[in-house]
Protein backbone atom coordinates (compact mmCIF):
# COMPACT_ATOMS: atom_id res chain seq x y z
CA MET A 1 -0.12 -22.96 -18.74
CA LYS A 2 -0.69 -19.32 -17.49
CA LYS A 3 0.95 -16.60 -18.89
CA ILE A 4 2.56 -14.82 -16.49
CA LEU A 5 4.49 -11.17 -16.56
CA MET A 6 7.00 -10.86 -13.54
CA LEU A 7 8.14 -7.23 -13.55
CA GLY A 8 11.48 -6.35 -11.37
CA MET A 9 11.52 -3.61 -8.78
CA GLY A 10 14.67 -4.65 -6.68
CA GLY A 11 15.17 -5.13 -3.24
CA THR A 12 16.31 -7.56 -0.82
CA ILE A 13 14.80 -9.76 -2.91
CA ALA A 14 17.27 -9.40 -5.57
CA SER A 15 20.21 -7.87 -4.07
CA GLU A 16 23.61 -8.98 -3.34
CA PRO A 17 26.44 -8.14 -0.47
CA THR A 18 28.51 -5.11 -1.53
CA GLU A 19 31.32 -3.22 0.82
CA ASN A 20 28.20 -0.46 1.90
CA GLY A 21 25.68 -3.66 2.66
CA LEU A 22 23.19 -5.52 0.84
CA ALA A 23 22.03 -3.64 -2.89
CA PRO A 24 19.72 -4.58 -5.57
CA ALA A 25 21.56 -5.73 -8.14
CA MET A 26 19.42 -9.35 -9.58
CA THR A 27 17.37 -8.67 -12.50
CA PRO A 28 13.98 -11.19 -12.23
CA GLU A 29 15.55 -13.82 -15.16
CA GLN A 30 18.11 -14.48 -12.18
CA LEU A 31 15.94 -14.77 -9.79
CA LEU A 32 13.84 -17.59 -11.38
CA GLN A 33 16.99 -19.41 -12.43
CA GLN A 34 17.09 -19.90 -8.39
CA VAL A 35 13.44 -21.39 -8.30
CA PRO A 36 13.32 -23.63 -11.39
CA ALA A 37 10.16 -25.18 -10.18
CA ILE A 38 8.26 -21.98 -10.94
CA SER A 39 8.48 -23.30 -14.84
CA GLN A 40 6.31 -26.15 -13.83
CA ILE A 41 3.56 -23.59 -12.64
CA CYS A 42 3.69 -21.15 -15.44
CA GLN A 43 5.12 -19.83 -18.50
CA VAL A 44 6.55 -16.37 -17.29
CA GLU A 45 8.21 -13.59 -18.98
CA CYS A 46 10.21 -10.80 -17.43
CA ARG A 47 10.65 -6.87 -17.48
CA THR A 48 12.79 -4.91 -14.70
CA LEU A 49 11.05 -1.85 -14.05
CA PHE A 50 14.04 -0.72 -11.78
CA ALA A 51 16.91 -2.26 -9.62
CA ILE A 52 16.81 -0.23 -6.53
CA ASP A 53 16.13 -0.41 -2.52
CA SER A 54 12.33 0.13 -1.74
CA THR A 55 13.27 2.90 0.99
CA ASP A 56 14.43 4.83 -2.31
CA VAL A 57 10.20 4.38 -3.77
CA THR A 58 8.48 7.06 -4.76
CA PRO A 59 4.70 7.77 -6.27
CA ARG A 60 6.90 7.79 -9.49
CA HIS A 61 8.12 4.44 -9.46
CA TRP A 62 4.23 3.11 -8.31
CA LEU A 63 2.90 5.09 -12.02
CA ALA A 64 5.50 3.71 -13.53
CA ALA A 65 4.33 0.22 -11.94
CA ALA A 66 0.84 0.83 -13.30
CA LYS A 67 1.66 1.63 -16.61
CA ALA A 68 3.25 -1.10 -17.19
CA ILE A 69 0.72 -3.34 -16.58
CA GLN A 70 -1.89 -1.50 -18.40
CA GLU A 71 0.55 -1.94 -21.28
CA ALA A 72 0.85 -5.57 -20.97
CA TYR A 73 -2.77 -6.46 -19.85
CA GLU A 74 -4.31 -8.35 -22.15
CA ASP A 75 -1.48 -10.06 -23.18
CA TYR A 76 -0.98 -12.19 -19.68
CA ASP A 77 -3.42 -13.82 -17.73
CA GLY A 78 -1.49 -12.55 -13.95
CA PHE A 79 1.12 -10.33 -12.81
CA VAL A 80 4.02 -10.92 -10.11
CA LEU A 81 6.08 -7.70 -8.71
CA SER A 82 9.67 -8.77 -6.84
CA HIS A 83 9.48 -5.36 -4.25
CA GLY A 84 11.51 -4.68 -1.17
CA THR A 85 9.63 -5.34 1.96
CA ASP A 86 9.98 -1.64 3.76
CA THR A 87 7.84 -0.01 1.54
CA MET A 88 5.77 -2.44 -0.49
CA ALA A 89 2.40 -2.00 1.64
CA TYR A 90 2.56 1.24 -0.10
CA THR A 91 2.68 0.11 -3.34
CA ALA A 92 0.18 -2.39 -2.85
CA ALA A 93 -1.98 0.29 -1.51
CA ALA A 94 -1.09 2.94 -4.58
CA LEU A 95 -1.57 0.30 -7.14
CA SER A 96 -4.91 -0.83 -5.51
CA TYR A 97 -5.78 2.72 -6.67
CA LEU A 98 -4.18 2.81 -9.84
CA ILE A 99 -5.99 0.12 -11.68
CA GLN A 100 -9.23 -1.09 -9.70
CA GLY A 101 -11.60 -3.95 -10.45
CA GLY A 102 -9.15 -5.55 -12.56
CA ARG A 103 -10.11 -9.49 -12.82
CA LYS A 104 -6.77 -10.79 -13.14
CA PRO A 105 -4.29 -11.03 -9.93
CA ILE A 106 -1.19 -8.95 -9.46
CA ILE A 107 0.68 -10.17 -6.52
CA LEU A 108 3.64 -8.20 -4.98
CA THR A 109 6.34 -10.18 -2.92
CA GLY A 110 9.82 -10.07 -1.81
CA ALA A 111 11.64 -11.45 1.25
CA GLN A 112 13.90 -10.64 4.35
CA LYS A 113 17.11 -12.29 2.62
CA PRO A 114 18.20 -12.28 -0.47
CA ILE A 115 17.69 -14.91 -2.86
CA ARG A 116 21.54 -16.25 -2.80
CA PHE A 117 21.45 -17.12 1.15
CA ALA A 118 21.34 -20.26 2.29
CA ASP A 119 18.45 -19.55 4.80
CA THR A 120 16.20 -16.90 2.88
CA ASP A 121 12.51 -16.60 2.71
CA SER A 122 13.12 -15.32 -1.21
CA ARG A 123 12.18 -18.76 -2.81
CA ILE A 124 9.17 -19.83 -0.98
CA ASN A 125 7.52 -16.43 -1.15
CA LEU A 126 8.09 -16.43 -5.06
CA THR A 127 7.18 -19.85 -5.53
CA ASP A 128 3.68 -18.83 -3.88
CA ALA A 129 3.47 -15.87 -5.56
CA PHE A 130 3.22 -17.24 -8.60
CA VAL A 131 0.67 -19.94 -7.24
CA CYS A 132 -1.39 -16.77 -6.81
CA ALA A 133 -0.70 -15.33 -9.92
CA CYS A 134 -2.11 -18.31 -11.92
CA ALA A 135 -5.37 -18.69 -9.65
CA GLN A 136 -8.73 -17.91 -11.18
CA GLU A 137 -9.93 -16.87 -8.09
CA MET A 138 -7.68 -14.21 -7.27
CA ALA A 139 -8.84 -11.00 -8.86
CA GLY A 140 -7.22 -7.70 -7.64
CA VAL A 141 -3.76 -6.19 -5.54
CA TYR A 142 -2.28 -8.62 -3.44
CA ILE A 143 0.89 -9.28 -1.25
CA VAL A 144 1.83 -12.72 -0.59
CA PHE A 145 4.20 -13.09 2.24
CA ASN A 146 5.47 -16.17 4.32
CA GLY A 147 2.26 -18.21 3.02
CA ARG A 148 -0.20 -15.78 3.64
CA VAL A 149 -2.41 -13.37 1.01
CA ILE A 150 -3.11 -9.86 2.60
CA LEU A 151 -5.37 -7.56 0.19
CA GLY A 152 -3.61 -4.89 -1.11
CA THR A 153 -5.34 -2.25 0.44
CA ARG A 154 -4.89 -3.71 4.24
CA ALA A 155 -1.07 -4.70 4.35
CA ARG A 156 1.45 -3.33 6.44
CA LYS A 157 5.18 -4.38 7.57
CA THR A 158 5.00 -4.99 11.06
CA ARG A 159 8.24 -7.37 11.91
CA SER A 160 11.76 -5.80 10.61
CA LYS A 161 13.76 -9.07 10.28
CA SER A 162 11.64 -12.46 10.97
CA PHE A 163 9.98 -13.79 7.82
CA GLN A 164 6.56 -13.47 8.64
CA ALA A 165 6.76 -9.59 8.17
CA PHE A 166 3.10 -8.54 6.98
CA SER A 167 0.36 -8.44 8.74
CA SER A 168 -3.48 -7.99 7.57
CA ILE A 169 -4.93 -5.18 9.14
CA ASN A 170 -8.80 -4.78 10.52
CA TYR A 171 -9.46 -7.57 7.53
CA PRO A 172 -8.56 -11.37 7.45
CA TYR A 173 -6.23 -13.00 5.45
CA VAL A 174 -7.52 -13.60 2.13
CA ALA A 175 -5.59 -17.30 1.52
CA VAL A 176 -2.75 -19.07 2.72
CA VAL A 177 -0.49 -21.02 1.03
CA GLN A 178 0.24 -24.51 1.48
CA ASP A 179 2.80 -27.03 0.15
CA GLY A 180 2.34 -25.01 -3.24
CA ARG A 181 -1.60 -25.04 -2.77
CA LEU A 182 -3.73 -22.09 -2.15
CA LEU A 183 -6.62 -22.54 -0.14
CA GLN A 184 -8.40 -19.30 -0.19
CA TYR A 185 -11.29 -17.84 2.27
CA ILE A 186 -12.60 -15.05 0.60
CA ARG A 187 -13.54 -14.64 -2.92
CA ARG A 188 -13.50 -10.56 -5.17
CA GLU A 189 -15.28 -10.49 -8.18
CA GLY A 190 -13.65 -8.59 -10.77
CA GLN A 191 -14.72 -7.11 -13.58
CA GLU A 192 -13.94 -7.04 -17.20
CA GLU A 193 -11.92 -4.53 -17.81
CA PRO A 194 -10.15 -2.34 -14.75
CA VAL A 195 -10.14 1.32 -14.37
CA PHE A 196 -6.53 2.64 -14.90
CA ALA A 197 -4.84 5.81 -13.51
CA GLN A 198 -1.85 7.18 -14.44
CA LYS A 199 -2.12 10.71 -12.36
CA LEU A 200 -1.03 10.90 -8.10
CA ASP A 201 -0.77 14.31 -6.42
CA GLU A 202 2.13 13.71 -4.50
CA ARG A 203 1.94 16.91 -2.28
CA VAL A 204 0.53 14.86 0.24
CA GLY A 205 2.24 14.88 4.09
CA LEU A 206 2.38 13.02 6.93
CA LEU A 207 2.55 14.82 10.67
CA LYS A 208 3.42 11.71 13.76
CA LEU A 209 1.76 13.38 17.08
CA VAL A 210 4.03 12.52 20.34
CA PRO A 211 3.21 14.33 23.41
CA GLY A 212 3.99 17.94 22.95
CA THR A 213 4.49 18.28 19.35
CA ASP A 214 4.68 21.88 18.34
CA PRO A 215 1.82 23.25 16.42
CA ALA A 216 4.56 24.95 14.00
CA LEU A 217 5.11 21.63 12.43
CA LEU A 218 1.80 21.17 11.43
CA GLU A 219 1.59 24.74 9.80
CA PHE A 220 4.75 24.25 8.31
CA LEU A 221 3.44 20.93 6.47
CA LEU A 222 -0.43 22.95 5.45
CA GLU A 223 1.55 26.04 4.18
CA ARG A 224 3.78 23.15 1.57
CA LYS A 225 1.47 20.58 0.81
CA ASP A 226 -2.13 20.13 -0.53
CA ALA A 227 -3.22 17.76 1.84
CA VAL A 228 -1.72 16.19 5.77
CA ILE A 229 -2.43 12.96 7.10
CA ILE A 230 -2.16 13.14 11.00
CA GLU A 231 -1.13 10.51 12.97
CA SER A 232 -3.18 10.91 16.51
CA PHE A 233 -3.03 9.42 19.49
CA GLY A 234 -5.93 6.21 20.52
CA VAL A 235 -9.26 6.79 18.71
CA GLY A 236 -8.06 9.98 17.71
CA GLY A 237 -8.04 14.13 18.37
CA LEU A 238 -5.98 17.25 18.43
CA PRO A 239 -3.89 18.36 21.41
CA THR A 240 -5.80 21.55 22.97
CA TYR A 241 -2.73 22.55 25.13
CA GLU A 242 -3.32 26.58 26.63
CA ASP A 243 -3.84 28.04 23.09
CA GLY A 244 -5.88 25.37 21.03
CA ARG A 245 -3.96 26.01 18.02
CA PHE A 246 -3.72 23.02 16.50
CA GLY A 247 -7.71 23.27 16.17
CA LYS A 248 -7.18 27.36 14.79
CA LEU A 249 -5.01 25.83 12.10
CA ILE A 250 -6.82 23.04 10.42
CA ARG A 251 -10.04 25.77 10.74
CA GLN A 252 -7.62 27.88 8.64
CA TYR A 253 -6.60 25.66 6.29
CA THR A 254 -9.25 23.95 5.54
CA GLN A 255 -11.26 27.15 5.24
CA ALA A 256 -8.41 27.73 2.60
CA GLY A 257 -8.79 24.58 0.37
CA LYS A 258 -6.18 22.29 2.45
CA PHE A 259 -7.40 18.89 3.38
CA VAL A 260 -6.59 17.23 6.75
CA ILE A 261 -6.92 13.69 7.11
CA MET A 262 -7.15 12.39 11.23
CA THR A 263 -5.76 9.00 11.56
CA THR A 264 -4.74 7.31 14.67
CA GLN A 265 -1.28 5.58 15.69
CA VAL A 266 -2.74 2.45 16.70
CA GLN A 267 -2.64 -0.37 14.66
CA ASN A 268 -6.13 -2.37 15.62
CA GLU A 269 -9.43 -1.03 15.25
CA GLY A 270 -9.81 2.32 13.85
CA SER A 271 -10.70 5.60 14.77
CA ASP A 272 -13.32 7.40 16.14
CA LEU A 273 -13.10 11.19 16.50
CA THR A 274 -17.01 11.52 18.28
CA VAL A 275 -15.35 9.91 21.22
CA TYR A 276 -13.56 12.47 23.14
CA SER A 277 -13.52 16.24 23.66
CA VAL A 278 -10.46 16.66 21.54
CA GLY A 279 -11.88 15.04 18.35
CA ARG A 280 -15.81 15.29 18.46
CA PRO A 281 -15.18 18.90 17.21
CA LEU A 282 -12.76 18.48 14.74
CA LYS A 283 -15.88 16.68 12.52
CA ASP A 284 -17.59 19.73 11.64
CA CYS A 285 -14.40 20.97 10.38
CA GLU A 286 -14.36 22.09 6.04
CA ASN A 287 -12.09 19.33 4.67
CA LEU A 288 -11.59 17.03 7.40
CA MET A 289 -11.95 13.62 7.43
CA GLU A 290 -10.92 10.68 9.50
CA THR A 291 -9.50 7.08 8.57
CA TYR A 292 -11.22 4.99 10.52
CA ASP A 293 -10.69 1.56 9.64
CA MET A 294 -8.33 2.44 6.70
CA THR A 295 -4.21 2.12 7.19
CA THR A 296 -2.04 4.91 6.77
CA GLU A 297 -0.39 3.75 3.69
CA CYS A 298 -4.24 3.57 1.89
CA ALA A 299 -5.05 6.77 3.42
CA LEU A 300 -1.81 8.18 1.79
CA ALA A 301 -1.80 6.41 -1.63
CA LYS A 302 -5.94 7.49 -1.72
CA LEU A 303 -5.39 10.99 -1.28
CA MET A 304 -2.50 11.40 -4.15
CA TRP A 305 -5.12 9.31 -6.48
CA ILE A 306 -8.07 11.54 -5.31
CA LEU A 307 -5.88 14.42 -5.79
CA GLY A 308 -4.92 14.19 -8.78
CA GLN A 309 -8.60 13.70 -9.91
CA THR A 310 -10.42 16.51 -8.57
CA ARG A 311 -9.84 19.36 -5.82
CA ASP A 312 -13.88 19.42 -5.20
CA SER A 313 -14.11 19.15 -1.27
CA GLN A 314 -17.39 17.49 -2.27
CA GLN A 315 -15.90 14.98 -4.47
CA VAL A 316 -12.68 14.41 -2.54
CA ARG A 317 -15.13 13.59 0.68
CA GLU A 318 -17.49 10.95 -1.23
CA LEU A 319 -14.30 9.26 -2.65
CA PHE A 320 -12.49 9.20 0.24
CA TYR A 321 -15.44 7.62 1.89
CA HIS A 322 -16.70 5.24 -1.13
CA PRO A 323 -15.09 1.66 -0.22
CA VAL A 324 -12.01 0.49 -2.97
CA ALA A 325 -10.90 -2.94 -2.54
CA GLU A 326 -12.40 -3.14 1.06
CA ASP A 327 -9.85 -1.10 2.09
CA ILE A 328 -12.63 1.36 4.46
CA LEU A 329 -15.41 -0.29 6.04
CA LEU A 330 -16.14 0.97 9.37
CA ARG A 331 -17.29 4.58 8.40
CA THR A 332 -19.98 6.11 10.76
């Protein structure tokens, strides 16, 4: 039997009712007691990393999870992380950069309802996660949820209540799990030894544009952060308004060594700054890049990982556009 390490990080799956609402309380061992069939799939050892709502997850928690996997990597065949759904896509993206090229499966899962609830999705999600963690062909980081297997760099939570909470953005589902059987469509090759990282630059901000956004908001972020991701409209661009202040701020701060990433609020099909006059001039800005088909979750995590290694403009650009776990495919 495969030997799997389960790492508990809290979330709805491990929550119990309290007077203030649901709160994480159960250990990984207690979760497994609710799904005894998993003992027939593999041998499991457990460790509690955190018992928190995923709203409280920070980059510090990503680093701790990556470190725990690194320390145990040679002793186990795969890893399952029980995690809250709200920020699971961010954690999956971050682990995809902190643990690159591994040959072993690292599976994140959780639930929309706690495991003790009668109508929970916890038991099937947890079972499916262990099925995937035991699969020889599942190399790398994935989210397993509602029978779907999603690459860690392509996942996004797209539903707040229903069991089909996650979607794969601009990339096919890697596999499905049906009746305890893995049907895998896409196989990724891992390398014998993964590359681990243990440093992130947390000074990365995000600005979502709305009609009439005050440029002072962008200036506020650029003054305080090493990099800012701007979620613009459509295929991408910046409002010019009467004074073109957005563009002036970007040129001023990127020339001073800050980084700006342009992305889109539109979930599917990605960005292309070359299409409209509000976007094309940005292509000439120093230290400005665009995400193309990359998700915002990935852009944030990838930029934190890159800036944790280097601030050299050319190296940052090369690393950002270099694909990691199929995170960016449509760049031009």
